[in-house]
Amino acid sequence: MRASTITLGLASLLFTGAFDLSLAQSVQPVPWNPCAQIRATCARAGFVPNGYKMGVGIAVDCVQPIMVGTPQREQATKPLPPLDPQVVAACKARNPKFGLDRGQSIFALRIR
């Protein structure tokens, strides 16, 4: 009994146009999170979580220098990946503390 109810329900959806492709095509994709794009770019460039001891830390050696606009630390072994400055600005607008340690850059703590 239940199988016939499900089958009839699916058939009625097909006939009513619930699966009309023109409706699916009008849906706009969700804009990509710019902060996630920065993190993904760093990961594709070979930076990894907890890789700071090897000079490939995703936060210390890639995200923080990009977000703060400073050079990498001396221990970094990979260069920063190329990234559109508009993505960085969009990330700062969306999450001003992204990539910062407790609201401050680790570089700012060293400068004092």
PDB file of N, CA and C in Angstrom:
ATOM      1  N   MET A   1       0.827  -1.195   0.000  1.00  0.00           N
ATOM      2  CA  MET A   1       0.000   0.000   0.000  1.00  0.00           C
ATOM      3  C   MET A   1       0.877   1.266   0.000  1.00  0.00           C
ATOM      4  N   ARG A   2       1.898   1.277   0.845  1.00  0.00           N
ATOM      5  CA  ARG A   2       2.761   2.455   0.934  1.00  0.00           C
ATOM      6  C   ARG A   2       3.542   2.658  -0.361  1.00  0.00           C
ATOM      7  N   ALA A   3       4.029   1.589  -0.975  1.00  0.00           N
ATOM      8  CA  ALA A   3       4.782   1.703  -2.217  1.00  0.00           C
ATOM      9  C   ALA A   3       3.931   2.299  -3.328  1.00  0.00           C
ATOM     10  N   SER A   4       2.665   1.926  -3.388  1.00  0.00           N
ATOM     11  CA  SER A   4       1.799   2.479  -4.428  1.00  0.00           C
ATOM     12  C   SER A   4       1.508   3.958  -4.165  1.00  0.00           C
ATOM     13  N   THR A   5       1.436   4.350  -2.894  1.00  0.00           N
ATOM     14  CA  THR A   5       1.205   5.758  -2.555  1.00  0.00           C
ATOM     15  C   THR A   5       2.413   6.606  -2.979  1.00  0.00           C
ATOM     16  N   ILE A   6       3.615   6.103  -2.715  1.00  0.00           N
ATOM     17  CA  ILE A   6       4.818   6.835  -3.097  1.00  0.00           C
ATOM     18  C   ILE A   6       4.925   6.935  -4.614  1.00  0.00           C
ATOM     19  N   THR A   7       4.636   5.831  -5.301  1.00  0.00           N
ATOM     20  CA  THR A   7       4.707   5.823  -6.757  1.00  0.00           C
ATOM     21  C   THR A   7       3.709   6.808  -7.348  1.00  0.00           C
ATOM     22  N   LEU A   8       2.499   6.824  -6.825  1.00  0.00           N
ATOM     23  CA  LEU A   8       1.486   7.758  -7.317  1.00  0.00           C
ATOM     24  C   LEU A   8       1.884   9.201  -7.015  1.00  0.00           C
ATOM     25  N   GLY A   9       2.468   9.420  -5.858  1.00  0.00           N
ATOM     26  CA  GLY A   9       2.897  10.771  -5.509  1.00  0.00           C
ATOM     27  C   GLY A   9       3.993  11.272  -6.438  1.00  0.00           C
ATOM     28  N   LEU A  10       4.963  10.421  -6.742  1.00  0.00           N
ATOM     29  CA  LEU A  10       6.033  10.809  -7.663  1.00  0.00           C
ATOM     30  C   LEU A  10       5.512  11.033  -9.072  1.00  0.00           C
ATOM     31  N   ALA A  11       4.609  10.182  -9.498  1.00  0.00           N
ATOM     32  CA  ALA A  11       4.030  10.337 -10.835  1.00  0.00           C
ATOM     33  C   ALA A  11       3.253  11.642 -10.937  1.00  0.00           C
ATOM     34  N   SER A  12       2.517  11.992  -9.893  1.00  0.00           N
ATOM     35  CA  SER A  12       1.758  13.246  -9.938  1.00  0.00           C
ATOM     36  C   SER A  12       2.686  14.450  -9.976  1.00  0.00           C
ATOM     37  N   LEU A  13       3.833  14.381  -9.284  1.00  0.00           N
ATOM     38  CA  LEU A  13       4.799  15.481  -9.336  1.00  0.00           C
ATOM     39  C   LEU A  13       5.353  15.656 -10.741  1.00  0.00           C
ATOM     40  N   LEU A  14       5.611  14.546 -11.414  1.00  0.00           N
ATOM     41  CA  LEU A  14       6.126  14.623 -12.778  1.00  0.00           C
ATOM     42  C   LEU A  14       5.116  15.250 -13.720  1.00  0.00           C
ATOM     43  N   PHE A  15       3.880  14.905 -13.554  1.00  0.00           N
ATOM     44  CA  PHE A  15       2.852  15.422 -14.459  1.00  0.00           C
ATOM     45  C   PHE A  15       2.493  16.874 -14.158  1.00  0.00           C
ATOM     46  N   THR A  16       2.675  17.322 -12.931  1.00  0.00           N
ATOM     47  CA  THR A  16       2.322  18.700 -12.599  1.00  0.00           C
ATOM     48  C   THR A  16       3.433  19.684 -12.939  1.00  0.00           C
ATOM     49  N   GLY A  17       4.595  19.176 -13.288  1.00  0.00           N
ATOM     50  CA  GLY A  17       5.682  20.065 -13.681  1.00  0.00           C
ATOM     51  C   GLY A  17       6.561  20.486 -12.529  1.00  0.00           C
ATOM     52  N   ALA A  18       6.519  19.761 -11.416  1.00  0.00           N
ATOM     53  CA  ALA A  18       7.350  20.105 -10.268  1.00  0.00           C
ATOM     54  C   ALA A  18       8.832  19.941 -10.594  1.00  0.00           C
ATOM     55  N   PHE A  19       9.152  19.083 -11.537  1.00  0.00           N
ATOM     56  CA  PHE A  19      10.540  18.880 -11.926  1.00  0.00           C
ATOM     57  C   PHE A  19      10.866  19.606 -13.223  1.00  0.00           C
ATOM     58  N   ASP A  20      10.173  20.684 -13.497  1.00  0.00           N
ATOM     59  CA  ASP A  20      10.396  21.458 -14.710  1.00  0.00           C
ATOM     60  C   ASP A  20      11.814  22.029 -14.709  1.00  0.00           C
ATOM     61  N   LEU A  21      12.573  21.783 -15.750  1.00  0.00           N
ATOM     62  CA  LEU A  21      13.961  22.222 -15.820  1.00  0.00           C
ATOM     63  C   LEU A  21      14.098  23.737 -15.886  1.00  0.00           C
ATOM     64  N   SER A  22      13.119  24.412 -16.416  1.00  0.00           N
ATOM     65  CA  SER A  22      13.229  25.877 -16.510  1.00  0.00           C
ATOM     66  C   SER A  22      13.233  26.501 -15.119  1.00  0.00           C
ATOM     67  N   LEU A  23      12.572  25.875 -14.153  1.00  0.00           N
ATOM     68  CA  LEU A  23      12.601  26.395 -12.785  1.00  0.00           C
ATOM     69  C   LEU A  23      13.986  26.190 -12.170  1.00  0.00           C
ATOM     70  N   ALA A  24      14.589  25.069 -12.422  1.00  0.00           N
ATOM     71  CA  ALA A  24      15.907  24.782 -11.863  1.00  0.00           C
ATOM     72  C   ALA A  24      16.974  25.693 -12.459  1.00  0.00           C
ATOM     73  N   GLN A  25      16.820  26.091 -13.702  1.00  0.00           N
ATOM     74  CA  GLN A  25      17.816  26.932 -14.344  1.00  0.00           C
ATOM     75  C   GLN A  25      17.761  28.374 -13.857  1.00  0.00           C
ATOM     76  N   SER A  26      16.641  28.805 -13.303  1.00  0.00           N
ATOM     77  CA  SER A  26      16.521  30.189 -12.866  1.00  0.00           C
ATOM     78  C   SER A  26      17.133  30.412 -11.486  1.00  0.00           C
ATOM     79  N   VAL A  27      17.524  29.364 -10.787  1.00  0.00           N
ATOM     80  CA  VAL A  27      18.125  29.507  -9.470  1.00  0.00           C
ATOM     81  C   VAL A  27      19.554  30.020  -9.615  1.00  0.00           C
ATOM     82  N   GLN A  28      19.871  31.070  -8.886  1.00  0.00           N
ATOM     83  CA  GLN A  28      21.209  31.657  -8.940  1.00  0.00           C
ATOM     84  C   GLN A  28      22.101  30.981  -7.901  1.00  0.00           C
ATOM     85  N   PRO A  29      23.358  30.721  -8.211  1.00  0.00           N
ATOM     86  CA  PRO A  29      24.246  30.106  -7.232  1.00  0.00           C
ATOM     87  C   PRO A  29      24.556  31.066  -6.099  1.00  0.00           C
ATOM     88  N   VAL A  30      24.822  30.515  -4.934  1.00  0.00           N
ATOM     89  CA  VAL A  30      25.177  31.316  -3.772  1.00  0.00           C
ATOM     90  C   VAL A  30      26.596  31.851  -3.980  1.00  0.00           C
ATOM     91  N   PRO A  31      26.835  33.139  -3.737  1.00  0.00           N
ATOM     92  CA  PRO A  31      28.179  33.678  -3.917  1.00  0.00           C
ATOM     93  C   PRO A  31      29.169  32.973  -2.995  1.00  0.00           C
ATOM     94  N   TRP A  32      30.374  32.762  -3.480  1.00  0.00           N
ATOM     95  CA  TRP A  32      31.406  32.070  -2.723  1.00  0.00           C
ATOM     96  C   TRP A  32      31.894  32.963  -1.591  1.00  0.00           C
ATOM     97  N   ASN A  33      32.062  32.383  -0.430  1.00  0.00           N
ATOM     98  CA  ASN A  33      32.566  33.104   0.724  1.00  0.00           C
ATOM     99  C   ASN A  33      34.020  33.514   0.441  1.00  0.00           C
ATOM    100  N   PRO A  34      34.337  34.792   0.443  1.00  0.00           N
ATOM    101  CA  PRO A  34      35.704  35.219   0.094  1.00  0.00           C
ATOM    102  C   PRO A  34      36.752  34.700   1.080  1.00  0.00           C
ATOM    103  N   CYS A  35      36.394  34.569   2.355  1.00  0.00           N
ATOM    104  CA  CYS A  35      37.350  34.048   3.338  1.00  0.00           C
ATOM    105  C   CYS A  35      37.628  32.571   3.072  1.00  0.00           C
ATOM    106  N   ALA A  36      36.604  31.834   2.698  1.00  0.00           N
ATOM    107  CA  ALA A  36      36.797  30.421   2.348  1.00  0.00           C
ATOM    108  C   ALA A  36      37.631  30.304   1.075  1.00  0.00           C
ATOM    109  N   GLN A  37      37.489  31.269   0.185  1.00  0.00           N
ATOM    110  CA  GLN A  37      38.284  31.255  -1.044  1.00  0.00           C
ATOM    111  C   GLN A  37      39.764  31.475  -0.723  1.00  0.00           C
ATOM    112  N   ILE A  38      40.060  32.340   0.219  1.00  0.00           N
ATOM    113  CA  ILE A  38      41.450  32.564   0.622  1.00  0.00           C
ATOM    114  C   ILE A  38      42.026  31.287   1.221  1.00  0.00           C
ATOM    115  N   ARG A  39      41.277  30.676   2.109  1.00  0.00           N
ATOM    116  CA  ARG A  39      41.740  29.438   2.741  1.00  0.00           C
ATOM    117  C   ARG A  39      41.944  28.336   1.697  1.00  0.00           C
ATOM    118  N   ALA A  40      41.012  28.211   0.755  1.00  0.00           N
ATOM    119  CA  ALA A  40      41.133  27.192  -0.293  1.00  0.00           C
ATOM    120  C   ALA A  40      42.342  27.457  -1.195  1.00  0.00           C
ATOM    121  N   THR A  41      42.597  28.722  -1.496  1.00  0.00           N
ATOM    122  CA  THR A  41      43.758  29.067  -2.319  1.00  0.00           C
ATOM    123  C   THR A  41      45.047  28.702  -1.597  1.00  0.00           C
ATOM    124  N   CYS A  42      45.104  28.967  -0.300  1.00  0.00           N
ATOM    125  CA  CYS A  42      46.284  28.597   0.486  1.00  0.00           C
ATOM    126  C   CYS A  42      46.462  27.080   0.519  1.00  0.00           C
ATOM    127  N   ALA A  43      45.363  26.357   0.673  1.00  0.00           N
ATOM    128  CA  ALA A  43      45.444  24.891   0.709  1.00  0.00           C
ATOM    129  C   ALA A  43      45.926  24.338  -0.632  1.00  0.00           C
ATOM    130  N   ARG A  44      45.422  24.900  -1.743  1.00  0.00           N
ATOM    131  CA  ARG A  44      45.863  24.452  -3.070  1.00  0.00           C
ATOM    132  C   ARG A  44      47.344  24.752  -3.302  1.00  0.00           C
ATOM    133  N   ALA A  45      47.845  25.785  -2.632  1.00  0.00           N
ATOM    134  CA  ALA A  45      49.261  26.152  -2.790  1.00  0.00           C
ATOM    135  C   ALA A  45      50.174  25.277  -1.928  1.00  0.00           C
ATOM    136  N   GLY A  46      49.580  24.383  -1.123  1.00  0.00           N
ATOM    137  CA  GLY A  46      50.381  23.454  -0.336  1.00  0.00           C
ATOM    138  C   GLY A  46      50.484  23.761   1.143  1.00  0.00           C
ATOM    139  N   PHE A  47      49.795  24.789   1.614  1.00  0.00           N
ATOM    140  CA  PHE A  47      49.788  25.100   3.037  1.00  0.00           C
ATOM    141  C   PHE A  47      48.798  24.173   3.743  1.00  0.00           C
ATOM    142  N   VAL A  48      49.154  23.750   4.956  1.00  0.00           N
ATOM    143  CA  VAL A  48      48.330  22.775   5.676  1.00  0.00           C
ATOM    144  C   VAL A  48      48.096  23.219   7.111  1.00  0.00           C
ATOM    145  N   PRO A  49      46.974  22.771   7.705  1.00  0.00           N
ATOM    146  CA  PRO A  49      46.752  23.052   9.127  1.00  0.00           C
ATOM    147  C   PRO A  49      47.869  22.415   9.964  1.00  0.00           C
ATOM    148  N   ASN A  50      48.298  23.097  10.972  1.00  0.00           N
ATOM    149  CA  ASN A  50      49.352  22.632  11.875  1.00  0.00           C
ATOM    150  C   ASN A  50      50.685  22.388  11.166  1.00  0.00           C
ATOM    151  N   GLY A  51      50.906  23.037  10.050  1.00  0.00           N
ATOM    152  CA  GLY A  51      52.165  22.877   9.331  1.00  0.00           C
ATOM    153  C   GLY A  51      53.172  23.961   9.654  1.00  0.00           C
ATOM    154  N   TYR A  52      52.933  24.709  10.717  1.00  0.00           N
ATOM    155  CA  TYR A  52      53.794  25.846  11.027  1.00  0.00           C
ATOM    156  C   TYR A  52      55.221  25.437  11.357  1.00  0.00           C
ATOM    157  N   LYS A  53      55.421  24.245  11.928  1.00  0.00           N
ATOM    158  CA  LYS A  53      56.788  23.806  12.266  1.00  0.00           C
ATOM    159  C   LYS A  53      57.618  23.538  11.013  1.00  0.00           C
ATOM    160  N   MET A  54      56.929  23.175   9.924  1.00  0.00           N
ATOM    161  CA  MET A  54      57.619  22.902   8.661  1.00  0.00           C
ATOM    162  C   MET A  54      57.641  24.115   7.740  1.00  0.00           C
ATOM    163  N   GLY A  55      57.029  25.229   8.182  1.00  0.00           N
ATOM    164  CA  GLY A  55      57.000  26.440   7.365  1.00  0.00           C
ATOM    165  C   GLY A  55      55.886  26.450   6.339  1.00  0.00           C
ATOM    166  N   VAL A  56      54.878  25.583   6.509  1.00  0.00           N
ATOM    167  CA  VAL A  56      53.750  25.530   5.569  1.00  0.00           C
ATOM    168  C   VAL A  56      52.414  25.626   6.306  1.00  0.00           C
ATOM    169  N   GLY A  57      52.388  26.337   7.420  1.00  0.00           N
ATOM    170  CA  GLY A  57      51.157  26.490   8.193  1.00  0.00           C
ATOM    171  C   GLY A  57      50.147  27.340   7.441  1.00  0.00           C
ATOM    172  N   ILE A  58      48.931  26.840   7.309  1.00  0.00           N
ATOM    173  CA  ILE A  58      47.926  27.562   6.513  1.00  0.00           C
ATOM    174  C   ILE A  58      47.581  28.900   7.155  1.00  0.00           C
ATOM    175  N   ALA A  59      47.530  28.943   8.482  1.00  0.00           N
ATOM    176  CA  ALA A  59      47.179  30.204   9.141  1.00  0.00           C
ATOM    177  C   ALA A  59      48.383  31.137   9.237  1.00  0.00           C
ATOM    178  N   VAL A  60      49.466  30.656   9.806  1.00  0.00           N
ATOM    179  CA  VAL A  60      50.632  31.496  10.090  1.00  0.00           C
ATOM    180  C   VAL A  60      51.384  31.898   8.828  1.00  0.00           C
ATOM    181  N   ASP A  61      51.529  30.969   7.903  1.00  0.00           N
ATOM    182  CA  ASP A  61      52.383  31.224   6.741  1.00  0.00           C
ATOM    183  C   ASP A  61      51.631  31.686   5.499  1.00  0.00           C
ATOM    184  N   CYS A  62      50.302  31.625   5.516  1.00  0.00           N
ATOM    185  CA  CYS A  62      49.560  32.035   4.319  1.00  0.00           C
ATOM    186  C   CYS A  62      48.433  33.023   4.634  1.00  0.00           C
ATOM    187  N   VAL A  63      47.452  32.614   5.436  1.00  0.00           N
ATOM    188  CA  VAL A  63      46.269  33.457   5.648  1.00  0.00           C
ATOM    189  C   VAL A  63      46.629  34.763   6.349  1.00  0.00           C
ATOM    190  N   GLN A  64      47.387  34.690   7.428  1.00  0.00           N
ATOM    191  CA  GLN A  64      47.707  35.906   8.175  1.00  0.00           C
ATOM    192  C   GLN A  64      48.489  36.923   7.356  1.00  0.00           C
ATOM    193  N   PRO A  65      49.549  36.518   6.637  1.00  0.00           N
ATOM    194  CA  PRO A  65      50.247  37.521   5.820  1.00  0.00           C
ATOM    195  C   PRO A  65      49.350  38.137   4.739  1.00  0.00           C
ATOM    196  N   ILE A  66      48.446  37.348   4.187  1.00  0.00           N
ATOM    197  CA  ILE A  66      47.537  37.874   3.167  1.00  0.00           C
ATOM    198  C   ILE A  66      46.574  38.878   3.787  1.00  0.00           C
ATOM    199  N   MET A  67      45.991  38.533   4.925  1.00  0.00           N
ATOM    200  CA  MET A  67      44.984  39.395   5.542  1.00  0.00           C
ATOM    201  C   MET A  67      45.594  40.665   6.126  1.00  0.00           C
ATOM    202  N   VAL A  68      46.796  40.569   6.677  1.00  0.00           N
ATOM    203  CA  VAL A  68      47.429  41.735   7.300  1.00  0.00           C
ATOM    204  C   VAL A  68      48.195  42.560   6.274  1.00  0.00           C
ATOM    205  N   GLY A  69      48.614  41.913   5.193  1.00  0.00           N
ATOM    206  CA  GLY A  69      49.374  42.616   4.160  1.00  0.00           C
ATOM    207  C   GLY A  69      50.842  42.751   4.495  1.00  0.00           C
ATOM    208  N   THR A  70      51.349  41.762   5.211  1.00  0.00           N
ATOM    209  CA  THR A  70      52.753  41.779   5.598  1.00  0.00           C
ATOM    210  C   THR A  70      53.495  40.629   4.921  1.00  0.00           C
ATOM    211  N   PRO A  71      54.817  40.682   4.923  1.00  0.00           N
ATOM    212  CA  PRO A  71      55.581  39.552   4.372  1.00  0.00           C
ATOM    213  C   PRO A  71      55.417  38.318   5.261  1.00  0.00           C
ATOM    214  N   GLN A  72      55.744  37.175   4.691  1.00  0.00           N
ATOM    215  CA  GLN A  72      55.711  35.941   5.461  1.00  0.00           C
ATOM    216  C   GLN A  72      56.845  35.940   6.482  1.00  0.00           C
ATOM    217  N   ARG A  73      56.690  35.081   7.481  1.00  0.00           N
ATOM    218  CA  ARG A  73      57.780  34.929   8.450  1.00  0.00           C
ATOM    219  C   ARG A  73      58.962  34.227   7.779  1.00  0.00           C
ATOM    220  N   GLU A  74      60.111  34.326   8.361  1.00  0.00           N
ATOM    221  CA  GLU A  74      61.321  33.759   7.768  1.00  0.00           C
ATOM    222  C   GLU A  74      61.260  32.240   7.631  1.00  0.00           C
ATOM    223  N   GLN A  75      60.514  31.566   8.512  1.00  0.00           N
ATOM    224  CA  GLN A  75      60.438  30.114   8.495  1.00  0.00           C
ATOM    225  C   GLN A  75      59.540  29.576   7.383  1.00  0.00           C
ATOM    226  N   ALA A  76      58.787  30.426   6.721  1.00  0.00           N
ATOM    227  CA  ALA A  76      57.892  29.973   5.649  1.00  0.00           C
ATOM    228  C   ALA A  76      58.717  29.384   4.505  1.00  0.00           C
ATOM    229  N   THR A  77      58.271  28.236   4.004  1.00  0.00           N
ATOM    230  CA  THR A  77      59.028  27.557   2.944  1.00  0.00           C
ATOM    231  C   THR A  77      58.350  27.645   1.579  1.00  0.00           C
ATOM    232  N   LYS A  78      57.113  28.104   1.530  1.00  0.00           N
ATOM    233  CA  LYS A  78      56.398  28.255   0.260  1.00  0.00           C
ATOM    234  C   LYS A  78      56.036  29.722   0.068  1.00  0.00           C
ATOM    235  N   PRO A  79      56.041  30.205  -1.166  1.00  0.00           N
ATOM    236  CA  PRO A  79      55.623  31.587  -1.408  1.00  0.00           C
ATOM    237  C   PRO A  79      54.109  31.733  -1.283  1.00  0.00           C
ATOM    238  N   LEU A  80      53.676  32.946  -1.030  1.00  0.00           N
ATOM    239  CA  LEU A  80      52.232  33.206  -0.974  1.00  0.00           C
ATOM    240  C   LEU A  80      51.614  32.991  -2.352  1.00  0.00           C
ATOM    241  N   PRO A  81      50.431  32.410  -2.413  1.00  0.00           N
ATOM    242  CA  PRO A  81      49.783  32.223  -3.710  1.00  0.00           C
ATOM    243  C   PRO A  81      49.236  33.548  -4.228  1.00  0.00           C
ATOM    244  N   PRO A  82      49.127  33.698  -5.543  1.00  0.00           N
ATOM    245  CA  PRO A  82      48.515  34.920  -6.079  1.00  0.00           C
ATOM    246  C   PRO A  82      47.031  34.943  -5.726  1.00  0.00           C
ATOM    247  N   LEU A  83      46.547  36.110  -5.342  1.00  0.00           N
ATOM    248  CA  LEU A  83      45.150  36.249  -4.920  1.00  0.00           C
ATOM    249  C   LEU A  83      44.658  37.633  -5.307  1.00  0.00           C
ATOM    250  N   ASP A  84      43.447  37.695  -5.806  1.00  0.00           N
ATOM    251  CA  ASP A  84      42.842  38.962  -6.204  1.00  0.00           C
ATOM    252  C   ASP A  84      42.660  39.852  -4.966  1.00  0.00           C
ATOM    253  N   PRO A  85      43.152  41.076  -4.970  1.00  0.00           N
ATOM    254  CA  PRO A  85      42.988  41.976  -3.820  1.00  0.00           C
ATOM    255  C   PRO A  85      41.519  42.235  -3.474  1.00  0.00           C
ATOM    256  N   GLN A  86      40.636  42.127  -4.459  1.00  0.00           N
ATOM    257  CA  GLN A  86      39.213  42.323  -4.183  1.00  0.00           C
ATOM    258  C   GLN A  86      38.670  41.215  -3.293  1.00  0.00           C
ATOM    259  N   VAL A  87      39.212  40.001  -3.421  1.00  0.00           N
ATOM    260  CA  VAL A  87      38.790  38.892  -2.563  1.00  0.00           C
ATOM    261  C   VAL A  87      39.210  39.171  -1.125  1.00  0.00           C
ATOM    262  N   VAL A  88      40.425  39.676  -0.949  1.00  0.00           N
ATOM    263  CA  VAL A  88      40.916  40.000   0.391  1.00  0.00           C
ATOM    264  C   VAL A  88      40.062  41.111   1.005  1.00  0.00           C
ATOM    265  N   ALA A  89      39.754  42.137   0.232  1.00  0.00           N
ATOM    266  CA  ALA A  89      38.918  43.232   0.733  1.00  0.00           C
ATOM    267  C   ALA A  89      37.517  42.737   1.090  1.00  0.00           C
ATOM    268  N   ALA A  90      36.966  41.858   0.274  1.00  0.00           N
ATOM    269  CA  ALA A  90      35.633  41.311   0.561  1.00  0.00           C
ATOM    270  C   ALA A  90      35.656  40.464   1.824  1.00  0.00           C
ATOM    271  N   CYS A  91      36.731  39.724   2.026  1.00  0.00           N
ATOM    272  CA  CYS A  91      36.851  38.919   3.239  1.00  0.00           C
ATOM    273  C   CYS A  91      36.965  39.822   4.467  1.00  0.00           C
ATOM    274  N   LYS A  92      37.766  40.869   4.366  1.00  0.00           N
ATOM    275  CA  LYS A  92      37.901  41.803   5.494  1.00  0.00           C
ATOM    276  C   LYS A  92      36.575  42.458   5.826  1.00  0.00           C
ATOM    277  N   ALA A  93      35.786  42.753   4.799  1.00  0.00           N
ATOM    278  CA  ALA A  93      34.476  43.356   5.034  1.00  0.00           C
ATOM    279  C   ALA A  93      33.520  42.355   5.690  1.00  0.00           C
ATOM    280  N   ARG A  94      33.633  41.105   5.297  1.00  0.00           N
ATOM    281  CA  ARG A  94      32.730  40.075   5.820  1.00  0.00           C
ATOM    282  C   ARG A  94      33.148  39.618   7.214  1.00  0.00           C
ATOM    283  N   ASN A  95      34.462  39.459   7.426  1.00  0.00           N
ATOM    284  CA  ASN A  95      34.965  38.964   8.704  1.00  0.00           C
ATOM    285  C   ASN A  95      36.311  39.637   8.989  1.00  0.00           C
ATOM    286  N   PRO A  96      36.291  40.809   9.639  1.00  0.00           N
ATOM    287  CA  PRO A  96      37.530  41.563   9.857  1.00  0.00           C
ATOM    288  C   PRO A  96      38.583  40.810  10.666  1.00  0.00           C
ATOM    289  N   LYS A  97      38.194  39.825  11.445  1.00  0.00           N
ATOM    290  CA  LYS A  97      39.144  39.102  12.285  1.00  0.00           C
ATOM    291  C   LYS A  97      39.614  37.792  11.653  1.00  0.00           C
ATOM    292  N   PHE A  98      39.241  37.526  10.414  1.00  0.00           N
ATOM    293  CA  PHE A  98      39.642  36.282   9.770  1.00  0.00           C
ATOM    294  C   PHE A  98      41.152  36.216   9.624  1.00  0.00           C
ATOM    295  N   GLY A  99      41.733  35.113  10.077  1.00  0.00           N
ATOM    296  CA  GLY A  99      43.170  34.914   9.950  1.00  0.00           C
ATOM    297  C   GLY A  99      43.985  35.588  11.022  1.00  0.00           C
ATOM    298  N   LEU A 100      43.338  36.219  11.968  1.00  0.00           N
ATOM    299  CA  LEU A 100      44.059  36.908  13.028  1.00  0.00           C
ATOM    300  C   LEU A 100      43.979  36.089  14.307  1.00  0.00           C
ATOM    301  N   ASP A 101      45.016  36.188  15.102  1.00  0.00           N
ATOM    302  CA  ASP A 101      45.086  35.456  16.356  1.00  0.00           C
ATOM    303  C   ASP A 101      44.492  36.307  17.469  1.00  0.00           C
ATOM    304  N   ARG A 102      43.328  35.934  17.945  1.00  0.00           N
ATOM    305  CA  ARG A 102      42.635  36.652  19.028  1.00  0.00           C
ATOM    306  C   ARG A 102      42.432  38.124  18.712  1.00  0.00           C
ATOM    307  N   GLY A 103      42.096  38.414  17.469  1.00  0.00           N
ATOM    308  CA  GLY A 103      41.801  39.783  17.093  1.00  0.00           C
ATOM    309  C   GLY A 103      43.018  40.605  16.703  1.00  0.00           C
ATOM    310  N   GLN A 104      44.231  40.062  16.910  1.00  0.00           N
ATOM    311  CA  GLN A 104      45.438  40.779  16.525  1.00  0.00           C
ATOM    312  C   GLN A 104      46.304  39.869  15.674  1.00  0.00           C
ATOM    313  N   SER A 105      47.047  40.469  14.811  1.00  0.00           N
ATOM    314  CA  SER A 105      47.983  39.702  14.001  1.00  0.00           C
ATOM    315  C   SER A 105      49.157  39.263  14.867  1.00  0.00           C
ATOM    316  N   ILE A 106      49.694  38.077  14.591  1.00  0.00           N
ATOM    317  CA  ILE A 106      50.877  37.665  15.332  1.00  0.00           C
ATOM    318  C   ILE A 106      52.045  38.579  15.018  1.00  0.00           C
ATOM    319  N   PHE A 107      52.032  39.210  13.858  1.00  0.00           N
ATOM    320  CA  PHE A 107      53.096  40.137  13.498  1.00  0.00           C
ATOM    321  C   PHE A 107      52.998  41.408  14.326  1.00  0.00           C
ATOM    322  N   ALA A 108      51.774  41.858  14.615  1.00  0.00           N
ATOM    323  CA  ALA A 108      51.594  43.043  15.437  1.00  0.00           C
ATOM    324  C   ALA A 108      52.105  42.798  16.851  1.00  0.00           C
ATOM    325  N   LEU A 109      51.969  41.569  17.337  1.00  0.00           N
ATOM    326  CA  LEU A 109      52.451  41.259  18.670  1.00  0.00           C
ATOM    327  C   LEU A 109      53.979  41.290  18.719  1.00  0.00           C
ATOM    328  N   ARG A 110      54.646  40.975  17.651  1.00  0.00           N
ATOM    329  CA  ARG A 110      56.110  40.959  17.610  1.00  0.00           C
ATOM    330  C   ARG A 110      56.705  42.362  17.457  1.00  0.00           C
ATOM    331  N   ILE A 111      55.949  43.292  16.896  1.00  0.00           N
ATOM    332  CA  ILE A 111      56.471  44.615  16.588  1.00  0.00           C
ATOM    333  C   ILE A 111      56.658  45.458  17.846  1.00  0.00           C
ATOM    334  N   ARG A 112      55.850  45.272  18.842  1.00  0.00           N
ATOM    335  CA  ARG A 112      55.910  46.087  20.054  1.00  0.00           C
ATOM    336  C   ARG A 112      57.248  46.142  20.562  1.00  0.00           C
TER     337      ARG A 112
END
